[in-house]
């Protein structure tokens, strides 16, 4: 079973702001059961500010499993809107297969 997954790609989370002030969490690496708690903590910090919009920049995210999906859904329940920006092709496919493209705003 060697070769299943690349467990060396940890999750990197960078907090940013859009010009209009909306918080952006830029994710890189892999969002899975082992890294989801880190993202949950970052989301909690942002949600404490009570933003209307929370943006996730996903262009550098290489993998996402159900734990990552749960964090995104949880975030959408705590703020006015969640926007998923620039998902990588593999992450876009996960969003499409799970139906999140119908629930959360995905661009482009």
PDB file of N, CA and C in Angstrom:
ATOM      1  N   UNK A   1       0.815  -1.195   0.000  1.00  0.00           N
ATOM      2  CA  UNK A   1       0.000   0.000   0.000  1.00  0.00           C
ATOM      3  C   UNK A   1       0.858   1.258   0.000  1.00  0.00           C
ATOM      4  N   UNK A   2       2.135   1.114  -0.157  1.00  0.00           N
ATOM      5  CA  UNK A   2       3.011   2.273  -0.221  1.00  0.00           C
ATOM      6  C   UNK A   2       2.611   3.133  -1.403  1.00  0.00           C
ATOM      7  N   UNK A   3       2.774   4.432  -1.255  1.00  0.00           N
ATOM      8  CA  UNK A   3       2.461   5.344  -2.339  1.00  0.00           C
ATOM      9  C   UNK A   3       1.062   5.924  -2.265  1.00  0.00           C
ATOM     10  N   UNK A   4       0.268   5.510  -1.309  1.00  0.00           N
ATOM     11  CA  UNK A   4      -1.069   6.087  -1.171  1.00  0.00           C
ATOM     12  C   UNK A   4      -0.986   7.397  -0.415  1.00  0.00           C
ATOM     13  N   UNK A   5      -1.164   8.480  -1.124  1.00  0.00           N
ATOM     14  CA  UNK A   5      -1.174   9.795  -0.486  1.00  0.00           C
ATOM     15  C   UNK A   5       0.219  10.330  -0.238  1.00  0.00           C
ATOM     16  N   UNK A   6       0.292  11.632  -0.161  1.00  0.00           N
ATOM     17  CA  UNK A   6       1.540  12.325   0.139  1.00  0.00           C
ATOM     18  C   UNK A   6       1.347  13.015   1.476  1.00  0.00           C
ATOM     19  N   UNK A   7       1.777  12.365   2.525  1.00  0.00           N
ATOM     20  CA  UNK A   7       1.528  12.904   3.855  1.00  0.00           C
ATOM     21  C   UNK A   7       2.527  13.977   4.253  1.00  0.00           C
ATOM     22  N   UNK A   8       3.421  14.362   3.320  1.00  0.00           N
ATOM     23  CA  UNK A   8       4.378  15.407   3.603  1.00  0.00           C
ATOM     24  C   UNK A   8       3.828  16.795   3.338  1.00  0.00           C
ATOM     25  N   UNK A   9       2.690  16.877   2.644  1.00  0.00           N
ATOM     26  CA  UNK A   9       2.124  18.175   2.273  1.00  0.00           C
ATOM     27  C   UNK A   9       1.176  18.655   3.368  1.00  0.00           C
ATOM     28  N   UNK A  10       1.702  19.387   4.317  1.00  0.00           N
ATOM     29  CA  UNK A  10       0.880  19.904   5.401  1.00  0.00           C
ATOM     30  C   UNK A  10       0.034  21.075   4.914  1.00  0.00           C
ATOM     31  N   UNK A  11      -0.901  21.473   5.723  1.00  0.00           N
ATOM     32  CA  UNK A  11      -1.752  22.608   5.398  1.00  0.00           C
ATOM     33  C   UNK A  11      -1.099  23.899   5.864  1.00  0.00           C
ATOM     34  N   UNK A  12      -1.058  24.862   4.967  1.00  0.00           N
ATOM     35  CA  UNK A  12      -0.597  26.204   5.291  1.00  0.00           C
ATOM     36  C   UNK A  12      -1.809  27.123   5.213  1.00  0.00           C
ATOM     37  N   UNK A  13      -1.973  27.978   6.225  1.00  0.00           N
ATOM     38  CA  UNK A  13      -3.102  28.910   6.272  1.00  0.00           C
ATOM     39  C   UNK A  13      -2.541  30.313   6.434  1.00  0.00           C
ATOM     40  N   UNK A  14      -2.876  31.179   5.491  1.00  0.00           N
ATOM     41  CA  UNK A  14      -2.427  32.561   5.563  1.00  0.00           C
ATOM     42  C   UNK A  14      -3.647  33.471   5.620  1.00  0.00           C
ATOM     43  N   UNK A  15      -3.747  34.264   6.668  1.00  0.00           N
ATOM     44  CA  UNK A  15      -4.860  35.202   6.815  1.00  0.00           C
ATOM     45  C   UNK A  15      -4.537  36.491   6.064  1.00  0.00           C
ATOM     46  N   UNK A  16      -5.492  36.928   5.244  1.00  0.00           N
ATOM     47  CA  UNK A  16      -5.340  38.141   4.448  1.00  0.00           C
ATOM     48  C   UNK A  16      -6.630  38.940   4.530  1.00  0.00           C
ATOM     49  N   UNK A  17      -6.656  40.070   3.832  1.00  0.00           N
ATOM     50  CA  UNK A  17      -7.868  40.892   3.730  1.00  0.00           C
ATOM     51  C   UNK A  17      -8.059  41.311   2.283  1.00  0.00           C
ATOM     52  N   UNK A  18      -9.308  41.316   1.831  1.00  0.00           N
ATOM     53  CA  UNK A  18      -9.627  41.874   0.522  1.00  0.00           C
ATOM     54  C   UNK A  18      -9.571  43.385   0.646  1.00  0.00           C
ATOM     55  N   UNK A  19      -9.437  44.102  -0.481  1.00  0.00           N
ATOM     56  CA  UNK A  19      -9.436  45.562  -0.415  1.00  0.00           C
ATOM     57  C   UNK A  19     -10.655  46.136   0.321  1.00  0.00           C
ATOM     58  N   UNK A  20     -11.806  45.476   0.205  1.00  0.00           N
ATOM     59  CA  UNK A  20     -13.010  45.928   0.898  1.00  0.00           C
ATOM     60  C   UNK A  20     -13.058  45.546   2.361  1.00  0.00           C
ATOM     61  N   UNK A  21     -12.073  44.788   2.831  1.00  0.00           N
ATOM     62  CA  UNK A  21     -11.994  44.434   4.241  1.00  0.00           C
ATOM     63  C   UNK A  21     -12.421  43.023   4.592  1.00  0.00           C
ATOM     64  N   UNK A  22     -12.994  42.287   3.634  1.00  0.00           N
ATOM     65  CA  UNK A  22     -13.433  40.920   3.942  1.00  0.00           C
ATOM     66  C   UNK A  22     -12.228  40.036   4.248  1.00  0.00           C
ATOM     67  N   UNK A  23     -12.319  39.201   5.266  1.00  0.00           N
ATOM     68  CA  UNK A  23     -11.215  38.296   5.590  1.00  0.00           C
ATOM     69  C   UNK A  23     -11.064  37.204   4.538  1.00  0.00           C
ATOM     70  N   UNK A  24      -9.811  36.864   4.268  1.00  0.00           N
ATOM     71  CA  UNK A  24      -9.473  35.804   3.320  1.00  0.00           C
ATOM     72  C   UNK A  24      -8.549  34.821   4.027  1.00  0.00           C
ATOM     73  N   UNK A  25      -8.867  33.543   3.943  1.00  0.00           N
ATOM     74  CA  UNK A  25      -7.973  32.500   4.423  1.00  0.00           C
ATOM     75  C   UNK A  25      -7.430  31.782   3.194  1.00  0.00           C
ATOM     76  N   UNK A  26      -6.145  31.973   2.911  1.00  0.00           N
ATOM     77  CA  UNK A  26      -5.494  31.337   1.769  1.00  0.00           C
ATOM     78  C   UNK A  26      -4.913  30.005   2.223  1.00  0.00           C
ATOM     79  N   UNK A  27      -5.355  28.929   1.590  1.00  0.00           N
ATOM     80  CA  UNK A  27      -4.959  27.586   1.982  1.00  0.00           C
ATOM     81  C   UNK A  27      -4.014  26.985   0.951  1.00  0.00           C
ATOM     82  N   UNK A  28      -3.005  26.280   1.429  1.00  0.00           N
ATOM     83  CA  UNK A  28      -2.071  25.577   0.550  1.00  0.00           C
ATOM     84  C   UNK A  28      -1.743  24.235   1.173  1.00  0.00           C
ATOM     85  N   UNK A  29      -1.535  23.229   0.329  1.00  0.00           N
ATOM     86  CA  UNK A  29      -1.198  21.895   0.822  1.00  0.00           C
ATOM     87  C   UNK A  29      -2.408  20.988   0.840  1.00  0.00           C
ATOM     88  N   UNK A  30      -2.574  20.251   1.930  1.00  0.00           N
ATOM     89  CA  UNK A  30      -3.652  19.271   2.049  1.00  0.00           C
ATOM     90  C   UNK A  30      -4.543  19.567   3.244  1.00  0.00           C
ATOM     91  N   UNK A  31      -5.847  19.589   2.987  1.00  0.00           N
ATOM     92  CA  UNK A  31      -6.844  19.794   4.036  1.00  0.00           C
ATOM     93  C   UNK A  31      -7.527  18.455   4.273  1.00  0.00           C
ATOM     94  N   UNK A  32      -7.155  17.816   5.378  1.00  0.00           N
ATOM     95  CA  UNK A  32      -7.701  16.501   5.687  1.00  0.00           C
ATOM     96  C   UNK A  32      -7.973  16.399   7.185  1.00  0.00           C
ATOM     97  N   UNK A  33      -8.271  15.214   7.639  1.00  0.00           N
ATOM     98  CA  UNK A  33      -8.649  15.023   9.041  1.00  0.00           C
ATOM     99  C   UNK A  33      -7.558  15.475  10.012  1.00  0.00           C
ATOM    100  N   UNK A  34      -6.306  15.385   9.599  1.00  0.00           N
ATOM    101  CA  UNK A  34      -5.228  15.795  10.500  1.00  0.00           C
ATOM    102  C   UNK A  34      -5.009  17.310  10.518  1.00  0.00           C
ATOM    103  N   UNK A  35      -5.394  18.000   9.454  1.00  0.00           N
ATOM    104  CA  UNK A  35      -5.171  19.448   9.395  1.00  0.00           C
ATOM    105  C   UNK A  35      -6.443  20.269   9.592  1.00  0.00           C
ATOM    106  N   UNK A  36      -7.593  19.632   9.535  1.00  0.00           N
ATOM    107  CA  UNK A  36      -8.862  20.355   9.691  1.00  0.00           C
ATOM    108  C   UNK A  36      -8.946  21.140  11.004  1.00  0.00           C
ATOM    109  N   UNK A  37      -8.464  20.611  12.137  1.00  0.00           N
ATOM    110  CA  UNK A  37      -8.532  21.400  13.369  1.00  0.00           C
ATOM    111  C   UNK A  37      -7.782  22.742  13.278  1.00  0.00           C
ATOM    112  N   UNK A  38      -6.695  22.783  12.532  1.00  0.00           N
ATOM    113  CA  UNK A  38      -5.971  24.048  12.355  1.00  0.00           C
ATOM    114  C   UNK A  38      -6.833  25.055  11.609  1.00  0.00           C
ATOM    115  N   UNK A  39      -7.527  24.583  10.574  1.00  0.00           N
ATOM    116  CA  UNK A  39      -8.403  25.484   9.831  1.00  0.00           C
ATOM    117  C   UNK A  39      -9.595  25.904  10.687  1.00  0.00           C
ATOM    118  N   UNK A  40     -10.139  24.978  11.463  1.00  0.00           N
ATOM    119  CA  UNK A  40     -11.246  25.329  12.358  1.00  0.00           C
ATOM    120  C   UNK A  40     -10.839  26.446  13.310  1.00  0.00           C
ATOM    121  N   UNK A  41      -9.632  26.365  13.845  1.00  0.00           N
ATOM    122  CA  UNK A  41      -9.146  27.403  14.755  1.00  0.00           C
ATOM    123  C   UNK A  41      -9.010  28.740  14.036  1.00  0.00           C
ATOM    124  N   UNK A  42      -8.510  28.715  12.802  1.00  0.00           N
ATOM    125  CA  UNK A  42      -8.382  29.955  12.027  1.00  0.00           C
ATOM    126  C   UNK A  42      -9.753  30.547  11.728  1.00  0.00           C
ATOM    127  N   UNK A  43     -10.710  29.683  11.393  1.00  0.00           N
ATOM    128  CA  UNK A  43     -12.078  30.146  11.112  1.00  0.00           C
ATOM    129  C   UNK A  43     -12.682  30.758  12.370  1.00  0.00           C
ATOM    130  N   UNK A  44     -12.483  30.130  13.521  1.00  0.00           N
ATOM    131  CA  UNK A  44     -13.020  30.668  14.773  1.00  0.00           C
ATOM    132  C   UNK A  44     -12.498  32.070  15.045  1.00  0.00           C
ATOM    133  N   UNK A  45     -11.214  32.291  14.768  1.00  0.00           N
ATOM    134  CA  UNK A  45     -10.637  33.623  14.958  1.00  0.00           C
ATOM    135  C   UNK A  45     -11.268  34.657  14.058  1.00  0.00           C
ATOM    136  N   UNK A  46     -11.547  34.272  12.821  1.00  0.00           N
ATOM    137  CA  UNK A  46     -12.170  35.199  11.866  1.00  0.00           C
ATOM    138  C   UNK A  46     -13.631  35.426  12.216  1.00  0.00           C
ATOM    139  N   UNK A  47     -14.332  34.357  12.579  1.00  0.00           N
ATOM    140  CA  UNK A  47     -15.762  34.454  12.886  1.00  0.00           C
ATOM    141  C   UNK A  47     -16.005  35.346  14.102  1.00  0.00           C
ATOM    142  N   UNK A  48     -15.043  35.403  14.994  1.00  0.00           N
ATOM    143  CA  UNK A  48     -15.179  36.264  16.173  1.00  0.00           C
ATOM    144  C   UNK A  48     -15.350  37.731  15.776  1.00  0.00           C
ATOM    145  N   UNK A  49     -14.880  38.091  14.582  1.00  0.00           N
ATOM    146  CA  UNK A  49     -15.030  39.466  14.077  1.00  0.00           C
ATOM    147  C   UNK A  49     -16.400  39.720  13.467  1.00  0.00           C
ATOM    148  N   UNK A  50     -17.192  38.666  13.318  1.00  0.00           N
ATOM    149  CA  UNK A  50     -18.539  38.723  12.748  1.00  0.00           C
ATOM    150  C   UNK A  50     -18.566  39.327  11.330  1.00  0.00           C
ATOM    151  N   UNK A  51     -17.758  38.785  10.424  1.00  0.00           N
ATOM    152  CA  UNK A  51     -17.779  39.308   9.056  1.00  0.00           C
ATOM    153  C   UNK A  51     -19.032  38.858   8.312  1.00  0.00           C
ATOM    154  N   UNK A  52     -19.447  39.643   7.340  1.00  0.00           N
ATOM    155  CA  UNK A  52     -20.559  39.249   6.475  1.00  0.00           C
ATOM    156  C   UNK A  52     -20.096  38.204   5.465  1.00  0.00           C
ATOM    157  N   UNK A  53     -18.821  38.309   5.045  1.00  0.00           N
ATOM    158  CA  UNK A  53     -18.265  37.434   4.018  1.00  0.00           C
ATOM    159  C   UNK A  53     -16.932  36.880   4.485  1.00  0.00           C
ATOM    160  N   UNK A  54     -16.725  35.590   4.253  1.00  0.00           N
ATOM    161  CA  UNK A  54     -15.442  34.941   4.505  1.00  0.00           C
ATOM    162  C   UNK A  54     -15.017  34.277   3.208  1.00  0.00           C
ATOM    163  N   UNK A  55     -13.811  34.610   2.735  1.00  0.00           N
ATOM    164  CA  UNK A  55     -13.299  34.086   1.474  1.00  0.00           C
ATOM    165  C   UNK A  55     -12.219  33.051   1.767  1.00  0.00           C
ATOM    166  N   UNK A  56     -12.309  31.913   1.085  1.00  0.00           N
ATOM    167  CA  UNK A  56     -11.263  30.898   1.130  1.00  0.00           C
ATOM    168  C   UNK A  56     -10.578  30.895  -0.227  1.00  0.00           C
ATOM    169  N   UNK A  57      -9.288  31.196  -0.256  1.00  0.00           N
ATOM    170  CA  UNK A  57      -8.482  31.146  -1.482  1.00  0.00           C
ATOM    171  C   UNK A  57      -7.925  29.729  -1.577  1.00  0.00           C
ATOM    172  N   UNK A  58      -8.321  29.000  -2.637  1.00  0.00           N
ATOM    173  CA  UNK A  58      -8.018  27.572  -2.720  1.00  0.00           C
ATOM    174  C   UNK A  58      -7.091  27.201  -3.872  1.00  0.00           C
ATOM    175  N   UNK A  59      -6.459  28.159  -4.516  1.00  0.00           N
ATOM    176  CA  UNK A  59      -5.648  27.860  -5.701  1.00  0.00           C
ATOM    177  C   UNK A  59      -4.452  26.972  -5.394  1.00  0.00           C
ATOM    178  N   UNK A  60      -3.949  27.002  -4.166  1.00  0.00           N
ATOM    179  CA  UNK A  60      -2.782  26.201  -3.793  1.00  0.00           C
ATOM    180  C   UNK A  60      -3.146  24.970  -2.963  1.00  0.00           C
ATOM    181  N   UNK A  61      -4.451  24.719  -2.814  1.00  0.00           N
ATOM    182  CA  UNK A  61      -4.896  23.548  -2.060  1.00  0.00           C
ATOM    183  C   UNK A  61      -4.843  22.332  -2.977  1.00  0.00           C
ATOM    184  N   UNK A  62      -4.085  21.321  -2.585  1.00  0.00           N
ATOM    185  CA  UNK A  62      -3.842  20.150  -3.424  1.00  0.00           C
ATOM    186  C   UNK A  62      -4.782  18.987  -3.142  1.00  0.00           C
ATOM    187  N   UNK A  63      -5.402  18.978  -1.967  1.00  0.00           N
ATOM    188  CA  UNK A  63      -6.247  17.861  -1.568  1.00  0.00           C
ATOM    189  C   UNK A  63      -7.216  18.328  -0.501  1.00  0.00           C
ATOM    190  N   UNK A  64      -8.435  17.788  -0.530  1.00  0.00           N
ATOM    191  CA  UNK A  64      -9.416  18.071   0.521  1.00  0.00           C
ATOM    192  C   UNK A  64     -10.299  16.845   0.688  1.00  0.00           C
ATOM    193  N   UNK A  65     -10.479  16.412   1.934  1.00  0.00           N
ATOM    194  CA  UNK A  65     -11.368  15.287   2.201  1.00  0.00           C
ATOM    195  C   UNK A  65     -12.612  15.775   2.942  1.00  0.00           C
ATOM    196  N   UNK A  66     -13.386  14.840   3.459  1.00  0.00           N
ATOM    197  CA  UNK A  66     -14.653  15.185   4.112  1.00  0.00           C
ATOM    198  C   UNK A  66     -14.464  16.055   5.346  1.00  0.00           C
ATOM    199  N   UNK A  67     -13.335  15.948   6.016  1.00  0.00           N
ATOM    200  CA  UNK A  67     -13.091  16.807   7.181  1.00  0.00           C
ATOM    201  C   UNK A  67     -12.966  18.266   6.741  1.00  0.00           C
ATOM    202  N   UNK A  68     -12.339  18.498   5.609  1.00  0.00           N
ATOM    203  CA  UNK A  68     -12.236  19.848   5.070  1.00  0.00           C
ATOM    204  C   UNK A  68     -13.593  20.390   4.644  1.00  0.00           C
ATOM    205  N   UNK A  69     -14.374  19.536   4.028  1.00  0.00           N
ATOM    206  CA  UNK A  69     -15.728  19.924   3.619  1.00  0.00           C
ATOM    207  C   UNK A  69     -16.536  20.335   4.841  1.00  0.00           C
ATOM    208  N   UNK A  70     -16.408  19.585   5.918  1.00  0.00           N
ATOM    209  CA  UNK A  70     -17.139  19.894   7.152  1.00  0.00           C
ATOM    210  C   UNK A  70     -16.746  21.265   7.696  1.00  0.00           C
ATOM    211  N   UNK A  71     -15.467  21.622   7.611  1.00  0.00           N
ATOM    212  CA  UNK A  71     -15.025  22.938   8.092  1.00  0.00           C
ATOM    213  C   UNK A  71     -15.644  24.043   7.239  1.00  0.00           C
ATOM    214  N   UNK A  72     -15.659  23.859   5.922  1.00  0.00           N
ATOM    215  CA  UNK A  72     -16.246  24.871   5.035  1.00  0.00           C
ATOM    216  C   UNK A  72     -17.741  25.051   5.302  1.00  0.00           C
ATOM    217  N   UNK A  73     -18.442  23.960   5.478  1.00  0.00           N
ATOM    218  CA  UNK A  73     -19.876  24.029   5.776  1.00  0.00           C
ATOM    219  C   UNK A  73     -20.100  24.686   7.130  1.00  0.00           C
ATOM    220  N   UNK A  74     -19.285  24.318   8.113  1.00  0.00           N
ATOM    221  CA  UNK A  74     -19.403  24.938   9.435  1.00  0.00           C
ATOM    222  C   UNK A  74     -19.169  26.437   9.377  1.00  0.00           C
ATOM    223  N   UNK A  75     -18.202  26.858   8.587  1.00  0.00           N
ATOM    224  CA  UNK A  75     -17.931  28.291   8.438  1.00  0.00           C
ATOM    225  C   UNK A  75     -19.126  28.995   7.816  1.00  0.00           C
ATOM    226  N   UNK A  76     -19.755  28.345   6.841  1.00  0.00           N
ATOM    227  CA  UNK A  76     -20.896  28.985   6.163  1.00  0.00           C
ATOM    228  C   UNK A  76     -22.078  29.176   7.100  1.00  0.00           C
ATOM    229  N   UNK A  77     -22.135  28.414   8.159  1.00  0.00           N
ATOM    230  CA  UNK A  77     -23.225  28.544   9.133  1.00  0.00           C
ATOM    231  C   UNK A  77     -22.968  29.653  10.147  1.00  0.00           C
ATOM    232  N   UNK A  78     -21.734  30.175  10.161  1.00  0.00           N
ATOM    233  CA  UNK A  78     -21.362  31.168  11.168  1.00  0.00           C
ATOM    234  C   UNK A  78     -21.210  32.581  10.615  1.00  0.00           C
ATOM    235  N   UNK A  79     -21.193  32.723   9.298  1.00  0.00           N
ATOM    236  CA  UNK A  79     -21.049  34.044   8.689  1.00  0.00           C
ATOM    237  C   UNK A  79     -22.146  34.236   7.648  1.00  0.00           C
ATOM    238  N   UNK A  80     -22.284  35.459   7.171  1.00  0.00           N
ATOM    239  CA  UNK A  80     -23.313  35.739   6.183  1.00  0.00           C
ATOM    240  C   UNK A  80     -23.138  34.947   4.902  1.00  0.00           C
ATOM    241  N   UNK A  81     -21.904  34.870   4.401  1.00  0.00           N
ATOM    242  CA  UNK A  81     -21.636  34.167   3.146  1.00  0.00           C
ATOM    243  C   UNK A  81     -20.193  33.670   3.126  1.00  0.00           C
ATOM    244  N   UNK A  82     -19.988  32.563   2.427  1.00  0.00           N
ATOM    245  CA  UNK A  82     -18.655  32.009   2.208  1.00  0.00           C
ATOM    246  C   UNK A  82     -18.420  31.963   0.707  1.00  0.00           C
ATOM    247  N   UNK A  83     -17.243  32.414   0.307  1.00  0.00           N
ATOM    248  CA  UNK A  83     -16.854  32.363  -1.092  1.00  0.00           C
ATOM    249  C   UNK A  83     -15.605  31.496  -1.210  1.00  0.00           C
ATOM    250  N   UNK A  84     -15.647  30.531  -2.110  1.00  0.00           N
ATOM    251  CA  UNK A  84     -14.506  29.671  -2.389  1.00  0.00           C
ATOM    252  C   UNK A  84     -13.882  30.161  -3.690  1.00  0.00           C
ATOM    253  N   UNK A  85     -12.681  30.695  -3.593  1.00  0.00           N
ATOM    254  CA  UNK A  85     -12.056  31.332  -4.742  1.00  0.00           C
ATOM    255  C   UNK A  85     -10.940  30.464  -5.329  1.00  0.00           C
ATOM    256  N   UNK A  86     -10.931  30.364  -6.649  1.00  0.00           N
ATOM    257  CA  UNK A  86      -9.870  29.713  -7.417  1.00  0.00           C
ATOM    258  C   UNK A  86      -9.519  28.302  -6.954  1.00  0.00           C
ATOM    259  N   UNK A  87     -10.513  27.416  -6.793  1.00  0.00           N
ATOM    260  CA  UNK A  87     -10.154  26.065  -6.372  1.00  0.00           C
ATOM    261  C   UNK A  87      -9.289  25.381  -7.436  1.00  0.00           C
ATOM    262  N   UNK A  88      -8.295  24.637  -6.979  1.00  0.00           N
ATOM    263  CA  UNK A  88      -7.469  23.856  -7.896  1.00  0.00           C
ATOM    264  C   UNK A  88      -8.376  22.831  -8.582  1.00  0.00           C
ATOM    265  N   UNK A  89      -7.961  22.293  -9.719  1.00  0.00           N
ATOM    266  CA  UNK A  89      -8.829  21.342 -10.430  1.00  0.00           C
ATOM    267  C   UNK A  89      -9.294  20.162  -9.572  1.00  0.00           C
ATOM    268  N   UNK A  90      -8.416  19.587  -8.774  1.00  0.00           N
ATOM    269  CA  UNK A  90      -8.809  18.436  -7.964  1.00  0.00           C
ATOM    270  C   UNK A  90      -9.783  18.849  -6.858  1.00  0.00           C
ATOM    271  N   UNK A  91      -9.582  20.013  -6.280  1.00  0.00           N
ATOM    272  CA  UNK A  91     -10.494  20.496  -5.239  1.00  0.00           C
ATOM    273  C   UNK A  91     -11.831  20.888  -5.866  1.00  0.00           C
ATOM    274  N   UNK A  92     -11.807  21.494  -7.052  1.00  0.00           N
ATOM    275  CA  UNK A  92     -13.060  21.821  -7.744  1.00  0.00           C
ATOM    276  C   UNK A  92     -13.864  20.547  -7.975  1.00  0.00           C
ATOM    277  N   UNK A  93     -13.196  19.473  -8.352  1.00  0.00           N
ATOM    278  CA  UNK A  93     -13.890  18.208  -8.598  1.00  0.00           C
ATOM    279  C   UNK A  93     -14.556  17.696  -7.317  1.00  0.00           C
ATOM    280  N   UNK A  94     -13.875  17.811  -6.192  1.00  0.00           N
ATOM    281  CA  UNK A  94     -14.459  17.413  -4.907  1.00  0.00           C
ATOM    282  C   UNK A  94     -15.689  18.277  -4.610  1.00  0.00           C
ATOM    283  N   UNK A  95     -15.586  19.578  -4.849  1.00  0.00           N
ATOM    284  CA  UNK A  95     -16.712  20.483  -4.609  1.00  0.00           C
ATOM    285  C   UNK A  95     -17.907  20.127  -5.491  1.00  0.00           C
ATOM    286  N   UNK A  96     -17.627  19.760  -6.738  1.00  0.00           N
ATOM    287  CA  UNK A  96     -18.701  19.380  -7.654  1.00  0.00           C
ATOM    288  C   UNK A  96     -19.346  18.053  -7.244  1.00  0.00           C
ATOM    289  N   UNK A  97     -18.510  17.068  -6.916  1.00  0.00           N
ATOM    290  CA  UNK A  97     -19.033  15.751  -6.555  1.00  0.00           C
ATOM    291  C   UNK A  97     -19.860  15.777  -5.276  1.00  0.00           C
ATOM    292  N   UNK A  98     -19.503  16.658  -4.351  1.00  0.00           N
ATOM    293  CA  UNK A  98     -20.227  16.736  -3.085  1.00  0.00           C
ATOM    294  C   UNK A  98     -21.424  17.683  -3.141  1.00  0.00           C
ATOM    295  N   UNK A  99     -21.560  18.416  -4.223  1.00  0.00           N
ATOM    296  CA  UNK A  99     -22.670  19.352  -4.358  1.00  0.00           C
ATOM    297  C   UNK A  99     -22.436  20.699  -3.694  1.00  0.00           C
ATOM    298  N   UNK A 100     -21.231  20.945  -3.182  1.00  0.00           N
ATOM    299  CA  UNK A 100     -20.965  22.229  -2.530  1.00  0.00           C
ATOM    300  C   UNK A 100     -21.030  23.403  -3.495  1.00  0.00           C
ATOM    301  N   UNK A 101     -20.837  23.162  -4.785  1.00  0.00           N
ATOM    302  CA  UNK A 101     -20.935  24.255  -5.756  1.00  0.00           C
ATOM    303  C   UNK A 101     -22.357  24.807  -5.820  1.00  0.00           C
ATOM    304  N   UNK A 102     -23.331  24.024  -5.354  1.00  0.00           N
ATOM    305  CA  UNK A 102     -24.717  24.485  -5.331  1.00  0.00           C
ATOM    306  C   UNK A 102     -25.065  25.196  -4.025  1.00  0.00           C
ATOM    307  N   UNK A 103     -24.212  25.021  -3.006  1.00  0.00           N
ATOM    308  CA  UNK A 103     -24.496  25.564  -1.675  1.00  0.00           C
ATOM    309  C   UNK A 103     -23.632  26.788  -1.368  1.00  0.00           C
ATOM    310  N   UNK A 104     -22.364  26.728  -1.767  1.00  0.00           N
ATOM    311  CA  UNK A 104     -21.427  27.821  -1.499  1.00  0.00           C
ATOM    312  C   UNK A 104     -21.051  28.494  -2.812  1.00  0.00           C
ATOM    313  N   UNK A 105     -20.719  29.770  -2.724  1.00  0.00           N
ATOM    314  CA  UNK A 105     -20.314  30.507  -3.914  1.00  0.00           C
ATOM    315  C   UNK A 105     -18.894  30.106  -4.303  1.00  0.00           C
ATOM    316  N   UNK A 106     -18.705  29.620  -5.531  1.00  0.00           N
ATOM    317  CA  UNK A 106     -17.404  29.212  -6.034  1.00  0.00           C
ATOM    318  C   UNK A 106     -17.071  30.079  -7.229  1.00  0.00           C
ATOM    319  N   UNK A 107     -15.878  30.681  -7.219  1.00  0.00           N
ATOM    320  CA  UNK A 107     -15.468  31.492  -8.370  1.00  0.00           C
ATOM    321  C   UNK A 107     -14.015  31.283  -8.694  1.00  0.00           C
ATOM    322  N   UNK A 108     -13.588  31.350  -9.894  1.00  0.00           N
ATOM    323  CA  UNK A 108     -14.433  31.082 -11.074  1.00  0.00           C
ATOM    324  C   UNK A 108     -14.752  29.617 -11.150  1.00  0.00           C
TER     325      UNK A 108
END
